[in-house]
Amino acid sequence: MSVFNPECTSNYFQVQDIDPSECTGGNPYGFKCRIKVAGSTFGFDGLDMCDLQAMKGEINKAMTHARRARREWEGAQE
C-alpha cells in the first residue's frame, strides 16, 4: 500500500512552485518540497528545474529497475 495513499491524510508529499518575484539569483523557476510521513516532516526550498529533473530521473531509474526485477522474478516462478 502506498505511503501517500489519498485516504491517509496524515502523510503527504508536495512540490510547489515559488512565485518568480521571490526567486533569487535571477532564476525564474524556484520550487519547494514538503514531505510528511508517520509524523515526521521534511522540507526544503531553493530547488530549481534541474533539481526536479534529476529527482525525476532517479525515480524513473528505480521504477525501471523494479519492473525488470519483477519480470525476472515472475519468469523464474514459471
Protein backbone atom coordinates (compact mmCIF):
# COMPACT_ATOMS: atom_id res chain seq x y z
CA MET A 1 0.00 0.00 0.00
CA SER A 2 1.22 3.46 -0.83
CA VAL A 3 2.62 5.62 1.95
CA PHE A 4 0.95 8.60 0.27
CA ASN A 5 -2.45 6.95 -0.12
CA PRO A 6 -5.07 9.71 -0.67
CA GLU A 7 -7.18 8.16 2.09
CA CYS A 8 -4.37 8.73 4.59
CA THR A 9 -4.49 12.42 5.41
CA SER A 10 -1.56 12.36 7.86
CA ASN A 11 1.04 11.64 5.14
CA TYR A 12 1.71 13.90 2.19
CA PHE A 13 4.22 14.84 -0.48
CA GLN A 14 4.06 18.28 -2.10
CA VAL A 15 6.17 20.12 -4.63
CA GLN A 16 5.17 23.74 -5.09
CA ASP A 17 6.44 26.43 -7.38
CA ILE A 18 7.67 29.66 -5.85
CA ASP A 19 6.46 32.98 -7.18
CA PRO A 20 9.11 34.27 -9.63
CA SER A 21 9.27 37.56 -7.71
CA GLU A 22 10.51 35.59 -4.67
CA CYS A 23 13.21 33.66 -6.58
CA THR A 24 16.81 34.72 -6.09
CA GLY A 25 19.84 34.73 -8.34
CA GLY A 26 17.92 35.58 -11.50
CA ASN A 27 16.42 32.10 -11.80
CA PRO A 28 12.72 32.45 -12.75
CA TYR A 29 11.99 28.89 -11.62
CA GLY A 30 12.01 28.03 -7.95
CA PHE A 31 10.41 25.13 -6.11
CA LYS A 32 9.95 23.89 -2.59
CA CYS A 33 9.18 20.40 -1.39
CA ARG A 34 7.36 19.20 1.74
CA ILE A 35 7.12 15.58 2.86
CA LYS A 36 5.33 14.27 5.94
CA VAL A 37 5.35 10.57 6.83
CA ALA A 38 4.45 8.96 10.15
CA GLY A 39 4.56 12.28 12.00
CA SER A 40 7.98 13.33 10.68
CA THR A 41 8.14 16.35 8.40
CA PHE A 42 10.93 17.17 5.99
CA GLY A 43 11.04 20.25 3.82
CA PHE A 44 13.47 22.07 1.61
CA ASP A 45 13.36 25.19 -0.52
CA GLY A 46 15.55 26.55 -3.28
CA LEU A 47 15.11 23.77 -5.82
CA ASP A 48 15.36 24.68 -9.48
CA MET A 49 14.15 22.96 -12.64
CA CYS A 50 17.39 20.94 -12.92
CA ASP A 51 16.92 19.62 -9.38
CA LEU A 52 13.41 18.42 -10.19
CA GLN A 53 14.63 16.78 -13.42
CA ALA A 54 17.40 14.99 -11.51
CA MET A 55 14.90 13.75 -8.90
CA LYS A 56 12.54 12.59 -11.63
CA GLY A 57 15.39 10.75 -13.37
CA GLU A 58 16.38 8.89 -10.19
CA ILE A 59 12.75 7.92 -9.51
CA ASN A 60 12.37 6.66 -13.10
CA LYS A 61 15.58 4.59 -12.80
CA ALA A 62 14.33 2.96 -9.60
CA MET A 63 10.94 2.19 -11.14
CA THR A 64 12.53 0.70 -14.28
CA HIS A 65 14.83 -1.46 -12.17
CA ALA A 66 11.89 -2.67 -10.05
CA ARG A 67 9.86 -3.57 -13.15
CA ARG A 68 12.75 -5.56 -14.63
CA ALA A 69 13.38 -7.35 -11.36
CA ARG A 70 9.68 -8.20 -11.09
CA ARG A 71 9.59 -9.62 -14.64
CA GLU A 72 12.71 -11.70 -13.95
CA TRP A 73 11.22 -12.97 -10.70
CA GLU A 74 7.92 -13.84 -12.40
CA GLY A 75 9.82 -15.64 -15.16
CA ALA A 76 11.71 -17.71 -12.60
CA GLN A 77 8.40 -18.73 -10.95
CA GLU A 78 7.13 -20.43 -14.13
